[in-house]
């Protein structure tokens, strides 16, 4: 066996020991000494990695190969799993959210009722093209509840958001909806009470 082939076998043995063994051990959180011995024995049985045959061929090269095979195995780095900080919401804030939810749905019902009153008086018409098909019947009441339900969900998600700005302004969507429905309802009542 030539010196070049012995050197090549030693380099391959060292490369496998430093790259393959840590990859095999990555699935484990810790590698025991018994596991390392079993792995070393398994590698020693592979013919081209057998450091004993290398040592028998040439003393200096065999010691290099033996040092490469018997080098301490690199321990895998286990990164700890860091859980996100859970957002806690105070009971008072939950009660405020519930009060805004009830107010928002009540304002939407008021808007629907005043719209029906304005339409039956003959003085008004529905300007919203999405609600126009429902305006002539009682289906306007559940139809006007779609936006408040969506805004309830949005404000609930903002209340528990990880972003501080969203956590501080969670009440804005519901407050804007309450203001809009109340304004539209009062405007509808004004239109319904107009004298011709």
Protein backbone atom coordinates (compact mmCIF):
# COMPACT_ATOMS: atom_id res chain seq x y z
CA UNK A 1 0.00 0.00 0.00
CA UNK A 2 1.45 3.35 -0.99
CA UNK A 3 1.91 6.29 1.29
CA UNK A 4 -0.59 8.31 -0.75
CA UNK A 5 -3.38 5.75 -0.31
CA UNK A 6 -2.61 5.44 3.45
CA UNK A 7 -2.78 9.22 3.80
CA UNK A 8 -6.04 9.30 1.85
CA UNK A 9 -7.55 6.64 4.14
CA UNK A 10 -6.45 8.59 7.23
CA UNK A 11 -7.98 11.82 5.92
CA UNK A 12 -11.25 10.05 5.08
CA UNK A 13 -11.34 8.46 8.53
CA UNK A 14 -10.76 11.79 10.25
CA UNK A 15 -13.34 13.55 8.10
CA UNK A 16 -15.98 10.94 8.79
CA UNK A 17 -15.30 11.05 12.51
CA UNK A 18 -15.61 14.81 12.71
CA UNK A 19 -18.59 15.25 10.36
CA UNK A 20 -20.65 12.05 10.28
CA UNK A 21 -20.74 11.18 13.97
CA UNK A 22 -22.07 14.55 15.19
CA UNK A 23 -24.73 14.41 12.48
CA UNK A 24 -25.77 10.95 13.65
CA UNK A 25 -25.94 12.18 17.24
CA UNK A 26 -27.96 15.33 16.49
CA UNK A 27 -31.24 13.58 17.26
CA UNK A 28 -30.11 13.00 20.83
CA UNK A 29 -29.85 15.64 23.52
CA UNK A 30 -26.75 14.04 25.04
CA UNK A 31 -24.33 11.39 23.87
CA UNK A 32 -23.25 8.88 26.47
CA UNK A 33 -19.81 7.34 26.66
CA UNK A 34 -21.27 3.91 25.87
CA UNK A 35 -22.78 5.27 22.68
CA UNK A 36 -19.42 6.74 21.64
CA UNK A 37 -17.71 3.40 22.26
CA UNK A 38 -20.33 1.56 20.18
CA UNK A 39 -19.88 4.03 17.35
CA UNK A 40 -16.09 3.71 17.51
CA UNK A 41 -16.39 -0.10 17.44
CA UNK A 42 -18.74 0.08 14.46
CA UNK A 43 -16.33 2.34 12.58
CA UNK A 44 -13.41 0.07 13.43
CA UNK A 45 -15.20 -2.82 11.69
CA UNK A 46 -15.39 -0.90 8.42
CA UNK A 47 -12.38 -2.14 6.40
CA UNK A 48 -11.11 1.15 5.01
CA UNK A 49 -11.54 2.93 8.38
CA UNK A 50 -9.76 0.25 10.41
CA UNK A 51 -7.02 2.21 12.15
CA UNK A 52 -5.34 -1.00 13.31
CA UNK A 53 -4.55 -1.97 9.70
CA UNK A 54 -3.20 1.52 9.13
CA UNK A 55 -1.01 1.26 12.21
CA UNK A 56 0.35 -2.11 11.12
CA UNK A 57 1.34 -0.74 7.73
CA UNK A 58 3.22 2.32 8.90
CA UNK A 59 3.85 3.44 12.48
CA UNK A 60 3.85 7.21 11.95
CA UNK A 61 0.90 7.25 9.61
CA UNK A 62 -0.99 4.78 11.80
CA UNK A 63 -0.65 7.05 14.81
CA UNK A 64 -2.03 9.95 12.78
CA UNK A 65 -4.97 7.88 11.61
CA UNK A 66 -5.53 6.55 15.13
CA UNK A 67 -5.56 10.10 16.48
CA UNK A 68 -8.05 11.13 13.81
CA UNK A 69 -10.38 8.19 14.51
CA UNK A 70 -10.08 8.38 18.28
CA UNK A 71 -10.45 12.14 18.48
CA UNK A 72 -13.18 13.22 20.85
CA UNK A 73 -16.54 13.46 19.19
CA UNK A 74 -17.99 16.92 18.86
CA UNK A 75 -21.04 17.24 21.09
CA UNK A 76 -24.13 18.61 19.36
CA UNK A 77 -25.29 21.97 20.58
CA UNK A 78 -28.82 21.78 21.92
CA UNK A 79 -30.54 25.12 21.67
CA UNK A 80 -33.23 25.63 24.26
CA UNK A 81 -36.74 26.21 22.98
CA UNK A 82 -37.79 29.68 24.06
CA UNK A 83 -41.54 30.06 24.34
CA UNK A 84 -43.06 33.39 23.50
CA UNK A 85 -44.21 35.41 26.42
CA UNK A 86 -47.92 34.80 26.79
CA UNK A 87 -50.03 37.92 26.71
CA UNK A 88 -52.26 38.17 29.75
CA UNK A 89 -55.38 40.28 29.67
CA UNK A 90 -56.91 41.65 32.84
CA UNK A 91 -60.54 40.80 33.68
CA UNK A 92 -61.35 44.53 33.59
CA UNK A 93 -60.15 44.77 29.98
CA UNK A 94 -62.24 41.74 29.02
CA UNK A 95 -65.32 43.39 30.56
CA UNK A 96 -64.61 46.59 28.61
CA UNK A 97 -64.31 44.52 25.40
CA UNK A 98 -67.63 42.81 26.16
CA UNK A 99 -69.33 46.17 26.86
CA UNK A 100 -68.01 47.57 23.57
CA UNK A 101 -69.26 44.45 21.79
CA UNK A 102 -72.79 44.85 23.17
CA UNK A 103 -72.76 48.60 22.41
CA UNK A 104 -71.53 48.01 18.88
CA UNK A 105 -74.24 45.45 18.08
CA UNK A 106 -76.88 47.67 19.69
CA UNK A 107 -75.77 50.62 17.56
CA UNK A 108 -76.00 48.41 14.44
CA UNK A 109 -79.57 47.40 15.38
CA UNK A 110 -80.43 51.09 15.93
CA UNK A 111 -79.02 51.89 12.49
CA UNK A 112 -81.07 49.11 10.88
CA UNK A 113 -84.26 50.17 12.69
CA UNK A 114 -83.84 53.83 11.74
CA UNK A 115 -83.10 52.87 8.14
CA UNK A 116 -86.36 50.91 7.98
CA UNK A 117 -88.20 53.86 9.54
CA UNK A 118 -86.73 56.28 6.98
CA UNK A 119 -87.64 53.96 4.11
CA UNK A 120 -91.22 53.42 5.28
CA UNK A 121 -91.72 57.18 5.70
CA UNK A 122 -90.94 57.64 2.02
CA UNK A 123 -88.31 60.29 2.68
CA UNK A 124 -85.15 58.20 2.48
CA UNK A 125 -83.38 55.44 0.62
CA UNK A 126 -80.51 53.08 1.39
CA UNK A 127 -77.23 54.49 0.07
CA UNK A 128 -75.09 51.48 0.96
CA UNK A 129 -75.05 49.20 -2.13
CA UNK A 130 -74.25 46.13 -0.01
CA UNK A 131 -77.25 46.65 2.27
CA UNK A 132 -79.65 47.88 -0.44
CA UNK A 133 -81.01 44.36 -1.24
CA UNK A 134 -81.86 43.85 2.44
CA UNK A 135 -83.27 47.30 3.14
CA UNK A 136 -86.89 46.58 2.16
CA UNK A 137 -87.28 43.64 4.57
CA UNK A 138 -86.47 42.56 8.11
CA UNK A 139 -83.31 40.83 6.87
CA UNK A 140 -81.55 44.15 7.29
CA UNK A 141 -81.22 43.39 11.02
CA UNK A 142 -78.95 40.32 10.65
CA UNK A 143 -77.25 41.89 7.60
CA UNK A 144 -76.09 44.87 9.65
CA UNK A 145 -74.51 42.52 12.20
CA UNK A 146 -71.83 41.22 9.79
CA UNK A 147 -69.45 44.16 10.20
CA UNK A 148 -69.76 44.27 14.03
CA UNK A 149 -68.92 40.55 14.23
CA UNK A 150 -65.83 41.06 12.07
CA UNK A 151 -64.73 44.05 14.15
CA UNK A 152 -65.33 42.10 17.38
CA UNK A 153 -62.94 39.43 16.12
CA UNK A 154 -60.41 42.04 14.99
CA UNK A 155 -60.43 43.88 18.31
CA UNK A 156 -60.16 40.59 20.22
CA UNK A 157 -57.07 39.67 18.21
CA UNK A 158 -55.60 43.13 18.72
CA UNK A 159 -56.24 42.81 22.46
CA UNK A 160 -54.02 39.71 22.59
CA UNK A 161 -51.47 40.82 20.00
CA UNK A 162 -47.72 40.69 20.61
CA UNK A 163 -47.34 44.13 19.05
CA UNK A 164 -47.62 46.85 21.73
CA UNK A 165 -49.29 49.41 19.47
CA UNK A 166 -52.08 46.98 18.61
CA UNK A 167 -52.54 46.08 22.28
CA UNK A 168 -52.97 49.76 23.16
CA UNK A 169 -55.46 50.53 20.36
CA UNK A 170 -57.61 47.37 20.43
CA UNK A 171 -60.75 49.39 21.24
CA UNK A 172 -60.58 51.68 18.18
CA UNK A 173 -62.37 49.44 15.62
CA UNK A 174 -65.34 48.94 17.93
CA UNK A 175 -65.47 52.60 18.97
CA UNK A 176 -65.42 53.77 15.34
CA UNK A 177 -68.18 51.32 14.47
CA UNK A 178 -70.31 52.52 17.39
CA UNK A 179 -69.82 56.15 16.37
CA UNK A 180 -70.59 55.42 12.71
CA UNK A 181 -73.74 53.39 13.39
CA UNK A 182 -75.02 55.95 15.90
CA UNK A 183 -74.42 58.84 13.48
CA UNK A 184 -76.13 56.97 10.61
CA UNK A 185 -79.05 56.05 12.85
CA UNK A 186 -79.56 59.62 14.03
CA UNK A 187 -79.30 60.86 10.44
CA UNK A 188 -81.92 58.29 9.39
CA UNK A 189 -84.28 59.49 12.13
CA UNK A 190 -83.80 63.07 10.96
CA UNK A 191 -84.65 62.03 7.37
CA UNK A 192 -87.68 60.01 8.57
CA UNK A 193 -89.10 63.03 10.45
CA UNK A 194 -88.79 65.49 7.56
CA UNK A 195 -92.05 67.14 6.52
CA UNK A 196 -92.88 67.26 2.85
